[in-house]
């Protein structure tokens, strides 16, 4: 009986953690605010170059990469309302993110 209580407690704690991570998963607007605070506002690009933020959502965390044309910028991991740099920029796009594009 004691093992069953521990298992139920373990499952409940994990469910609560997953719910909290899902609720606090940052949005694209959160990343834009973080990026402008850290790097400053980006100057307007020429009209023929597309500027976007690539977001890959994993429900409990997300990755964000600024794209200028077809070139990728620095990739950040957004988890629980915080951002962590996981690449150095243009030629350092994480290979495992290509699997989700």
C-alpha atoms as a PDB file:
ATOM      1  CA  UNK A   1       0.000   0.000   0.000  1.00  0.00           C
ATOM      2  CA  UNK A   2       2.870   2.396   0.753  1.00  0.00           C
ATOM      3  CA  UNK A   3       4.284   2.012  -2.785  1.00  0.00           C
ATOM      4  CA  UNK A   4       0.932   2.943  -4.254  1.00  0.00           C
ATOM      5  CA  UNK A   5       0.805   6.181  -2.215  1.00  0.00           C
ATOM      6  CA  UNK A   6       4.297   7.105  -3.378  1.00  0.00           C
ATOM      7  CA  UNK A   7       3.361   6.419  -6.989  1.00  0.00           C
ATOM      8  CA  UNK A   8       0.201   8.526  -6.733  1.00  0.00           C
ATOM      9  CA  UNK A   9       2.163  11.377  -5.117  1.00  0.00           C
ATOM     10  CA  UNK A  10       4.870  11.141  -7.811  1.00  0.00           C
ATOM     11  CA  UNK A  11       2.277  11.261 -10.605  1.00  0.00           C
ATOM     12  CA  UNK A  12       0.419  14.186  -9.003  1.00  0.00           C
ATOM     13  CA  UNK A  13       3.613  16.212  -8.546  1.00  0.00           C
ATOM     14  CA  UNK A  14       4.610  15.595 -12.168  1.00  0.00           C
ATOM     15  CA  UNK A  15       1.175  16.628 -13.413  1.00  0.00           C
ATOM     16  CA  UNK A  16       1.350  19.868 -11.408  1.00  0.00           C
ATOM     17  CA  UNK A  17       4.846  20.586 -12.790  1.00  0.00           C
ATOM     18  CA  UNK A  18       3.657  19.996 -16.373  1.00  0.00           C
ATOM     19  CA  UNK A  19       0.644  22.273 -15.854  1.00  0.00           C
ATOM     20  CA  UNK A  20       2.834  25.059 -14.422  1.00  0.00           C
ATOM     21  CA  UNK A  21       5.328  24.735 -17.301  1.00  0.00           C
ATOM     22  CA  UNK A  22       2.512  24.824 -19.856  1.00  0.00           C
ATOM     23  CA  UNK A  23       0.939  27.928 -18.301  1.00  0.00           C
ATOM     24  CA  UNK A  24       4.273  29.782 -18.044  1.00  0.00           C
ATOM     25  CA  UNK A  25       5.478  28.875 -21.560  1.00  0.00           C
ATOM     26  CA  UNK A  26       6.519  32.255 -23.034  1.00  0.00           C
ATOM     27  CA  UNK A  27       4.764  33.710 -26.074  1.00  0.00           C
ATOM     28  CA  UNK A  28       6.209  35.368 -29.159  1.00  0.00           C
ATOM     29  CA  UNK A  29       5.348  38.749 -27.623  1.00  0.00           C
ATOM     30  CA  UNK A  30       7.368  37.825 -24.520  1.00  0.00           C
ATOM     31  CA  UNK A  31      10.322  36.927 -26.741  1.00  0.00           C
ATOM     32  CA  UNK A  32      10.024  40.167 -28.700  1.00  0.00           C
ATOM     33  CA  UNK A  33      10.093  42.185 -25.467  1.00  0.00           C
ATOM     34  CA  UNK A  34      13.078  40.165 -24.191  1.00  0.00           C
ATOM     35  CA  UNK A  35      14.929  40.580 -27.489  1.00  0.00           C
ATOM     36  CA  UNK A  36      14.376  44.338 -27.632  1.00  0.00           C
ATOM     37  CA  UNK A  37      15.534  44.703 -24.033  1.00  0.00           C
ATOM     38  CA  UNK A  38      18.669  42.609 -24.548  1.00  0.00           C
ATOM     39  CA  UNK A  39      19.724  43.572 -28.091  1.00  0.00           C
ATOM     40  CA  UNK A  40      17.844  46.810 -28.713  1.00  0.00           C
ATOM     41  CA  UNK A  41      15.253  47.548 -31.334  1.00  0.00           C
ATOM     42  CA  UNK A  42      16.093  46.194 -34.786  1.00  0.00           C
ATOM     43  CA  UNK A  43      16.284  48.812 -37.568  1.00  0.00           C
ATOM     44  CA  UNK A  44      13.708  48.393 -40.330  1.00  0.00           C
ATOM     45  CA  UNK A  45      14.979  46.019 -43.045  1.00  0.00           C
ATOM     46  CA  UNK A  46      14.771  46.692 -46.778  1.00  0.00           C
ATOM     47  CA  UNK A  47      11.294  46.079 -48.236  1.00  0.00           C
ATOM     48  CA  UNK A  48      12.262  42.907 -50.105  1.00  0.00           C
ATOM     49  CA  UNK A  49      13.661  41.082 -47.023  1.00  0.00           C
ATOM     50  CA  UNK A  50      11.286  39.147 -44.795  1.00  0.00           C
ATOM     51  CA  UNK A  51      11.837  39.464 -41.039  1.00  0.00           C
ATOM     52  CA  UNK A  52      10.110  36.994 -38.729  1.00  0.00           C
ATOM     53  CA  UNK A  53      10.468  35.075 -35.502  1.00  0.00           C
ATOM     54  CA  UNK A  54      10.487  31.318 -35.913  1.00  0.00           C
ATOM     55  CA  UNK A  55       8.755  29.682 -32.964  1.00  0.00           C
ATOM     56  CA  UNK A  56       8.716  25.955 -32.394  1.00  0.00           C
ATOM     57  CA  UNK A  57       6.280  25.121 -29.603  1.00  0.00           C
ATOM     58  CA  UNK A  58       6.831  22.004 -27.498  1.00  0.00           C
ATOM     59  CA  UNK A  59       3.915  22.880 -25.123  1.00  0.00           C
ATOM     60  CA  UNK A  60       6.082  22.994 -21.948  1.00  0.00           C
ATOM     61  CA  UNK A  61       8.847  25.032 -23.624  1.00  0.00           C
ATOM     62  CA  UNK A  62       9.477  26.784 -26.952  1.00  0.00           C
ATOM     63  CA  UNK A  63      12.408  27.787 -29.109  1.00  0.00           C
ATOM     64  CA  UNK A  64      12.663  31.186 -30.785  1.00  0.00           C
ATOM     65  CA  UNK A  65      14.928  32.181 -33.663  1.00  0.00           C
ATOM     66  CA  UNK A  66      14.946  35.561 -35.366  1.00  0.00           C
ATOM     67  CA  UNK A  67      14.978  35.092 -39.128  1.00  0.00           C
ATOM     68  CA  UNK A  68      16.203  37.785 -41.527  1.00  0.00           C
ATOM     69  CA  UNK A  69      15.451  36.612 -45.024  1.00  0.00           C
ATOM     70  CA  UNK A  70      16.608  33.005 -45.046  1.00  0.00           C
ATOM     71  CA  UNK A  71      19.345  33.535 -42.460  1.00  0.00           C
ATOM     72  CA  UNK A  72      18.774  32.448 -38.881  1.00  0.00           C
ATOM     73  CA  UNK A  73      19.866  34.484 -35.905  1.00  0.00           C
ATOM     74  CA  UNK A  74      20.550  33.423 -32.335  1.00  0.00           C
ATOM     75  CA  UNK A  75      18.210  30.711 -31.052  1.00  0.00           C
ATOM     76  CA  UNK A  76      16.773  30.978 -27.561  1.00  0.00           C
ATOM     77  CA  UNK A  77      15.012  28.375 -25.453  1.00  0.00           C
ATOM     78  CA  UNK A  78      11.988  29.805 -23.655  1.00  0.00           C
ATOM     79  CA  UNK A  79      10.934  27.916 -20.565  1.00  0.00           C
ATOM     80  CA  UNK A  80       8.966  29.033 -17.534  1.00  0.00           C
ATOM     81  CA  UNK A  81       9.030  32.678 -18.622  1.00  0.00           C
ATOM     82  CA  UNK A  82      12.836  32.823 -19.075  1.00  0.00           C
ATOM     83  CA  UNK A  83      15.029  32.696 -22.175  1.00  0.00           C
ATOM     84  CA  UNK A  84      18.327  30.869 -22.542  1.00  0.00           C
ATOM     85  CA  UNK A  85      20.632  31.225 -25.544  1.00  0.00           C
ATOM     86  CA  UNK A  86      21.253  27.845 -27.212  1.00  0.00           C
ATOM     87  CA  UNK A  87      23.038  28.907 -30.416  1.00  0.00           C
ATOM     88  CA  UNK A  88      25.541  31.515 -31.503  1.00  0.00           C
ATOM     89  CA  UNK A  89      23.701  32.642 -34.616  1.00  0.00           C
ATOM     90  CA  UNK A  90      23.736  32.270 -38.372  1.00  0.00           C
ATOM     91  CA  UNK A  91      25.815  29.120 -38.802  1.00  0.00           C
ATOM     92  CA  UNK A  92      24.989  27.561 -35.440  1.00  0.00           C
ATOM     93  CA  UNK A  93      21.293  26.671 -35.870  1.00  0.00           C
ATOM     94  CA  UNK A  94      20.575  23.628 -33.656  1.00  0.00           C
ATOM     95  CA  UNK A  95      20.391  20.545 -35.898  1.00  0.00           C
ATOM     96  CA  UNK A  96      17.614  18.969 -33.842  1.00  0.00           C
ATOM     97  CA  UNK A  97      15.273  21.884 -34.548  1.00  0.00           C
ATOM     98  CA  UNK A  98      15.432  21.089 -38.270  1.00  0.00           C
ATOM     99  CA  UNK A  99      13.475  17.933 -37.456  1.00  0.00           C
ATOM    100  CA  UNK A 100      10.473  20.089 -36.453  1.00  0.00           C
ATOM    101  CA  UNK A 101      10.412  22.429 -39.476  1.00  0.00           C
END
